[in-house]
Amino acid sequence: MSSPAPPSPPEAPVPTVPTDVRYRDCAAAREAGAAPLHRGEPGCRDAMDRDADGIACED
């Protein structure tokens, strides 16, 4: 007779990123640890992407 399989460890919760985040500027995004931001990510705005390459606050 085989012994039952040990219980699997609980899954770690998946962190959620707020979708309504807005950074005043790149300095604020960097301070929050969010820079660089990519087009489509929460908090990314065209005004923050000076060279229009889809990546804001990269410098």
PDB file of N, CA and C in Angstrom:
ATOM      1  N   MET A   1       0.843  -1.159   0.000  1.00  0.00           N
ATOM      2  CA  MET A   1       0.000   0.000   0.000  1.00  0.00           C
ATOM      3  C   MET A   1       0.900   1.238   0.000  1.00  0.00           C
ATOM      4  N   SER A   2       0.653   2.150  -0.889  1.00  0.00           N
ATOM      5  CA  SER A   2       1.496   3.352  -0.962  1.00  0.00           C
ATOM      6  C   SER A   2       0.942   4.456  -0.071  1.00  0.00           C
ATOM      7  N   SER A   3       1.832   5.285   0.396  1.00  0.00           N
ATOM      8  CA  SER A   3       1.385   6.384   1.260  1.00  0.00           C
ATOM      9  C   SER A   3       0.883   7.540   0.390  1.00  0.00           C
ATOM     10  N   PRO A   4      -0.016   8.330   0.940  1.00  0.00           N
ATOM     11  CA  PRO A   4      -0.556   9.443   0.141  1.00  0.00           C
ATOM     12  C   PRO A   4       0.532  10.483  -0.136  1.00  0.00           C
ATOM     13  N   ALA A   5       0.365  11.193  -1.219  1.00  0.00           N
ATOM     14  CA  ALA A   5       1.327  12.238  -1.588  1.00  0.00           C
ATOM     15  C   ALA A   5       1.288  13.355  -0.552  1.00  0.00           C
ATOM     16  N   PRO A   6       2.437  13.919  -0.256  1.00  0.00           N
ATOM     17  CA  PRO A   6       2.443  15.026   0.713  1.00  0.00           C
ATOM     18  C   PRO A   6       1.672  16.221   0.149  1.00  0.00           C
ATOM     19  N   PRO A   7       1.079  17.000   1.028  1.00  0.00           N
ATOM     20  CA  PRO A   7       0.319  18.156   0.527  1.00  0.00           C
ATOM     21  C   PRO A   7       1.255  19.152  -0.151  1.00  0.00           C
ATOM     22  N   SER A   8       0.769  19.766  -1.210  1.00  0.00           N
ATOM     23  CA  SER A   8       1.607  20.753  -1.887  1.00  0.00           C
ATOM     24  C   SER A   8       1.586  22.069  -1.116  1.00  0.00           C
ATOM     25  N   PRO A   9       2.691  22.793  -1.174  1.00  0.00           N
ATOM     26  CA  PRO A   9       2.750  24.062  -0.445  1.00  0.00           C
ATOM     27  C   PRO A   9       1.755  25.059  -1.037  1.00  0.00           C
ATOM     28  N   PRO A  10       1.261  25.959  -0.216  1.00  0.00           N
ATOM     29  CA  PRO A  10       0.305  26.942  -0.751  1.00  0.00           C
ATOM     30  C   PRO A  10       0.995  27.837  -1.776  1.00  0.00           C
ATOM     31  N   GLU A  11       0.239  28.244  -2.782  1.00  0.00           N
ATOM     32  CA  GLU A  11       0.797  29.111  -3.811  1.00  0.00           C
ATOM     33  C   GLU A  11       0.960  30.518  -3.256  1.00  0.00           C
ATOM     34  N   ALA A  12       2.056  31.147  -3.633  1.00  0.00           N
ATOM     35  CA  ALA A  12       2.284  32.529  -3.207  1.00  0.00           C
ATOM     36  C   ALA A  12       1.312  33.438  -3.953  1.00  0.00           C
ATOM     37  N   PRO A  13       0.785  34.430  -3.276  1.00  0.00           N
ATOM     38  CA  PRO A  13      -0.142  35.334  -3.968  1.00  0.00           C
ATOM     39  C   PRO A  13       0.580  36.099  -5.071  1.00  0.00           C
ATOM     40  N   VAL A  14      -0.113  36.316  -6.160  1.00  0.00           N
ATOM     41  CA  VAL A  14       0.445  37.061  -7.276  1.00  0.00           C
ATOM     42  C   VAL A  14       0.250  38.544  -6.992  1.00  0.00           C
ATOM     43  N   PRO A  15       1.342  39.307  -6.977  1.00  0.00           N
ATOM     44  CA  PRO A  15       1.175  40.734  -6.700  1.00  0.00           C
ATOM     45  C   PRO A  15       0.392  41.406  -7.820  1.00  0.00           C
ATOM     46  N   THR A  16      -0.454  42.318  -7.460  1.00  0.00           N
ATOM     47  CA  THR A  16      -1.239  43.030  -8.460  1.00  0.00           C
ATOM     48  C   THR A  16      -0.678  44.430  -8.637  1.00  0.00           C
ATOM     49  N   VAL A  17      -0.698  44.890  -9.854  1.00  0.00           N
ATOM     50  CA  VAL A  17      -0.231  46.232 -10.168  1.00  0.00           C
ATOM     51  C   VAL A  17      -1.456  47.095 -10.391  1.00  0.00           C
ATOM     52  N   PRO A  18      -1.547  48.201  -9.675  1.00  0.00           N
ATOM     53  CA  PRO A  18      -2.710  49.054  -9.879  1.00  0.00           C
ATOM     54  C   PRO A  18      -2.745  49.565 -11.318  1.00  0.00           C
ATOM     55  N   THR A  19      -3.910  49.572 -11.915  1.00  0.00           N
ATOM     56  CA  THR A  19      -4.034  50.038 -13.292  1.00  0.00           C
ATOM     57  C   THR A  19      -4.321  51.526 -13.359  1.00  0.00           C
ATOM     58  N   ASP A  20      -4.603  52.153 -12.226  1.00  0.00           N
ATOM     59  CA  ASP A  20      -4.932  53.573 -12.222  1.00  0.00           C
ATOM     60  C   ASP A  20      -3.780  54.440 -11.721  1.00  0.00           C
ATOM     61  N   VAL A  21      -2.570  53.909 -11.708  1.00  0.00           N
ATOM     62  CA  VAL A  21      -1.419  54.659 -11.211  1.00  0.00           C
ATOM     63  C   VAL A  21      -1.058  55.763 -12.205  1.00  0.00           C
ATOM     64  N   ARG A  22      -0.664  56.907 -11.686  1.00  0.00           N
ATOM     65  CA  ARG A  22      -0.228  58.016 -12.538  1.00  0.00           C
ATOM     66  C   ARG A  22       0.943  58.701 -11.844  1.00  0.00           C
ATOM     67  N   TYR A  23       2.034  58.829 -12.571  1.00  0.00           N
ATOM     68  CA  TYR A  23       3.214  59.485 -12.032  1.00  0.00           C
ATOM     69  C   TYR A  23       3.258  60.926 -12.526  1.00  0.00           C
ATOM     70  N   ARG A  24       3.620  61.839 -11.643  1.00  0.00           N
ATOM     71  CA  ARG A  24       3.698  63.263 -11.987  1.00  0.00           C
ATOM     72  C   ARG A  24       4.732  63.472 -13.094  1.00  0.00           C
ATOM     73  N   ASP A  25       5.852  62.762 -12.968  1.00  0.00           N
ATOM     74  CA  ASP A  25       6.940  62.884 -13.933  1.00  0.00           C
ATOM     75  C   ASP A  25       7.860  61.675 -13.783  1.00  0.00           C
ATOM     76  N   CYS A  26       8.928  61.668 -14.556  1.00  0.00           N
ATOM     77  CA  CYS A  26       9.852  60.529 -14.501  1.00  0.00           C
ATOM     78  C   CYS A  26      10.540  60.416 -13.151  1.00  0.00           C
ATOM     79  N   ALA A  27      10.797  61.547 -12.509  1.00  0.00           N
ATOM     80  CA  ALA A  27      11.421  61.487 -11.182  1.00  0.00           C
ATOM     81  C   ALA A  27      10.522  60.725 -10.215  1.00  0.00           C
ATOM     82  N   ALA A  28       9.220  60.958 -10.300  1.00  0.00           N
ATOM     83  CA  ALA A  28       8.276  60.256  -9.428  1.00  0.00           C
ATOM     84  C   ALA A  28       8.225  58.765  -9.775  1.00  0.00           C
ATOM     85  N   ALA A  29       8.288  58.436 -11.065  1.00  0.00           N
ATOM     86  CA  ALA A  29       8.287  57.028 -11.480  1.00  0.00           C
ATOM     87  C   ALA A  29       9.550  56.329 -10.982  1.00  0.00           C
ATOM     88  N   ARG A  30      10.686  57.013 -11.067  1.00  0.00           N
ATOM     89  CA  ARG A  30      11.943  56.429 -10.573  1.00  0.00           C
ATOM     90  C   ARG A  30      11.895  56.232  -9.064  1.00  0.00           C
ATOM     91  N   GLU A  31      11.378  57.238  -8.359  1.00  0.00           N
ATOM     92  CA  GLU A  31      11.284  57.150  -6.901  1.00  0.00           C
ATOM     93  C   GLU A  31      10.420  55.967  -6.474  1.00  0.00           C
ATOM     94  N   ALA A  32       9.385  55.670  -7.269  1.00  0.00           N
ATOM     95  CA  ALA A  32       8.496  54.550  -6.963  1.00  0.00           C
ATOM     96  C   ALA A  32       9.086  53.218  -7.418  1.00  0.00           C
ATOM     97  N   GLY A  33      10.233  53.258  -8.112  1.00  0.00           N
ATOM     98  CA  GLY A  33      10.851  52.028  -8.598  1.00  0.00           C
ATOM     99  C   GLY A  33      10.184  51.484  -9.844  1.00  0.00           C
ATOM    100  N   ALA A  34       9.437  52.333 -10.553  1.00  0.00           N
ATOM    101  CA  ALA A  34       8.677  51.875 -11.707  1.00  0.00           C
ATOM    102  C   ALA A  34       9.367  52.152 -13.040  1.00  0.00           C
ATOM    103  N   ALA A  35      10.389  52.994 -13.053  1.00  0.00           N
ATOM    104  CA  ALA A  35      11.035  53.366 -14.315  1.00  0.00           C
ATOM    105  C   ALA A  35      12.082  52.327 -14.699  1.00  0.00           C
ATOM    106  N   PRO A  36      12.280  52.066 -15.961  1.00  0.00           N
ATOM    107  CA  PRO A  36      11.582  52.672 -17.082  1.00  0.00           C
ATOM    108  C   PRO A  36      10.192  52.074 -17.267  1.00  0.00           C
ATOM    109  N   LEU A  37       9.336  52.859 -17.882  1.00  0.00           N
ATOM    110  CA  LEU A  37       7.969  52.422 -18.164  1.00  0.00           C
ATOM    111  C   LEU A  37       7.858  52.113 -19.654  1.00  0.00           C
ATOM    112  N   HIS A  38       7.102  51.083 -19.981  1.00  0.00           N
ATOM    113  CA  HIS A  38       6.899  50.721 -21.381  1.00  0.00           C
ATOM    114  C   HIS A  38       5.471  51.050 -21.793  1.00  0.00           C
ATOM    115  N   ARG A  39       5.317  51.420 -23.061  1.00  0.00           N
ATOM    116  CA  ARG A  39       3.997  51.755 -23.593  1.00  0.00           C
ATOM    117  C   ARG A  39       3.008  50.647 -23.236  1.00  0.00           C
ATOM    118  N   GLY A  40       1.862  51.058 -22.690  1.00  0.00           N
ATOM    119  CA  GLY A  40       0.823  50.112 -22.304  1.00  0.00           C
ATOM    120  C   GLY A  40       0.861  49.747 -20.830  1.00  0.00           C
ATOM    121  N   GLU A  41       1.978  50.011 -20.161  1.00  0.00           N
ATOM    122  CA  GLU A  41       2.057  49.728 -18.730  1.00  0.00           C
ATOM    123  C   GLU A  41       1.346  50.822 -17.944  1.00  0.00           C
ATOM    124  N   PRO A  42       0.791  50.459 -16.787  1.00  0.00           N
ATOM    125  CA  PRO A  42       0.153  51.472 -15.945  1.00  0.00           C
ATOM    126  C   PRO A  42       1.138  52.590 -15.609  1.00  0.00           C
ATOM    127  N   GLY A  43       0.680  53.817 -15.731  1.00  0.00           N
ATOM    128  CA  GLY A  43       1.499  54.970 -15.396  1.00  0.00           C
ATOM    129  C   GLY A  43       2.277  55.547 -16.560  1.00  0.00           C
ATOM    130  N   CYS A  44       2.378  54.821 -17.660  1.00  0.00           N
ATOM    131  CA  CYS A  44       3.130  55.312 -18.812  1.00  0.00           C
ATOM    132  C   CYS A  44       2.260  56.270 -19.622  1.00  0.00           C
ATOM    133  N   ARG A  45       2.842  57.431 -19.946  1.00  0.00           N
ATOM    134  CA  ARG A  45       2.150  58.421 -20.775  1.00  0.00           C
ATOM    135  C   ARG A  45       3.092  58.863 -21.884  1.00  0.00           C
ATOM    136  N   ASP A  46       2.529  59.229 -23.027  1.00  0.00           N
ATOM    137  CA  ASP A  46       3.349  59.686 -24.150  1.00  0.00           C
ATOM    138  C   ASP A  46       4.226  60.870 -23.761  1.00  0.00           C
ATOM    139  N   ALA A  47       3.728  61.762 -22.902  1.00  0.00           N
ATOM    140  CA  ALA A  47       4.491  62.946 -22.494  1.00  0.00           C
ATOM    141  C   ALA A  47       5.776  62.569 -21.758  1.00  0.00           C
ATOM    142  N   MET A  48       5.849  61.378 -21.216  1.00  0.00           N
ATOM    143  CA  MET A  48       7.035  60.937 -20.479  1.00  0.00           C
ATOM    144  C   MET A  48       8.047  60.239 -21.390  1.00  0.00           C
ATOM    145  N   ASP A  49       7.653  59.966 -22.627  1.00  0.00           N
ATOM    146  CA  ASP A  49       8.507  59.264 -23.590  1.00  0.00           C
ATOM    147  C   ASP A  49       9.060  60.287 -24.581  1.00  0.00           C
ATOM    148  N   ARG A  50      10.157  60.939 -24.205  1.00  0.00           N
ATOM    149  CA  ARG A  50      10.693  62.051 -24.998  1.00  0.00           C
ATOM    150  C   ARG A  50      11.109  61.655 -26.409  1.00  0.00           C
ATOM    151  N   ASP A  51      11.637  60.461 -26.610  1.00  0.00           N
ATOM    152  CA  ASP A  51      12.086  60.082 -27.947  1.00  0.00           C
ATOM    153  C   ASP A  51      11.083  59.203 -28.685  1.00  0.00           C
ATOM    154  N   ALA A  52       9.889  59.020 -28.123  1.00  0.00           N
ATOM    155  CA  ALA A  52       8.784  58.290 -28.764  1.00  0.00           C
ATOM    156  C   ALA A  52       9.170  56.881 -29.204  1.00  0.00           C
ATOM    157  N   ASP A  53       9.982  56.200 -28.393  1.00  0.00           N
ATOM    158  CA  ASP A  53      10.376  54.832 -28.742  1.00  0.00           C
ATOM    159  C   ASP A  53       9.572  53.773 -27.995  1.00  0.00           C
ATOM    160  N   GLY A  54       8.578  54.224 -27.208  1.00  0.00           N
ATOM    161  CA  GLY A  54       7.749  53.275 -26.470  1.00  0.00           C
ATOM    162  C   GLY A  54       8.258  52.989 -25.071  1.00  0.00           C
ATOM    163  N   ILE A  55       9.378  53.599 -24.701  1.00  0.00           N
ATOM    164  CA  ILE A  55       9.941  53.416 -23.365  1.00  0.00           C
ATOM    165  C   ILE A  55      10.095  54.793 -22.729  1.00  0.00           C
ATOM    166  N   ALA A  56       9.374  55.017 -21.652  1.00  0.00           N
ATOM    167  CA  ALA A  56       9.418  56.304 -20.964  1.00  0.00           C
ATOM    168  C   ALA A  56      10.380  56.236 -19.786  1.00  0.00           C
ATOM    169  N   CYS A  57      10.985  57.349 -19.496  1.00  0.00           N
ATOM    170  CA  CYS A  57      11.869  57.499 -18.323  1.00  0.00           C
ATOM    171  C   CYS A  57      13.060  56.549 -18.363  1.00  0.00           C
ATOM    172  N   GLU A  58      13.602  56.322 -19.544  1.00  0.00           N
ATOM    173  CA  GLU A  58      14.716  55.380 -19.629  1.00  0.00           C
ATOM    174  C   GLU A  58      16.060  56.004 -19.334  1.00  0.00           C
ATOM    175  N   ASP A  59      16.125  57.310 -19.210  1.00  0.00           N
ATOM    176  CA  ASP A  59      17.437  57.911 -18.920  1.00  0.00           C
ATOM    177  C   ASP A  59      17.490  58.488 -17.541  1.00  0.00           C
TER     178      ASP A  59
END
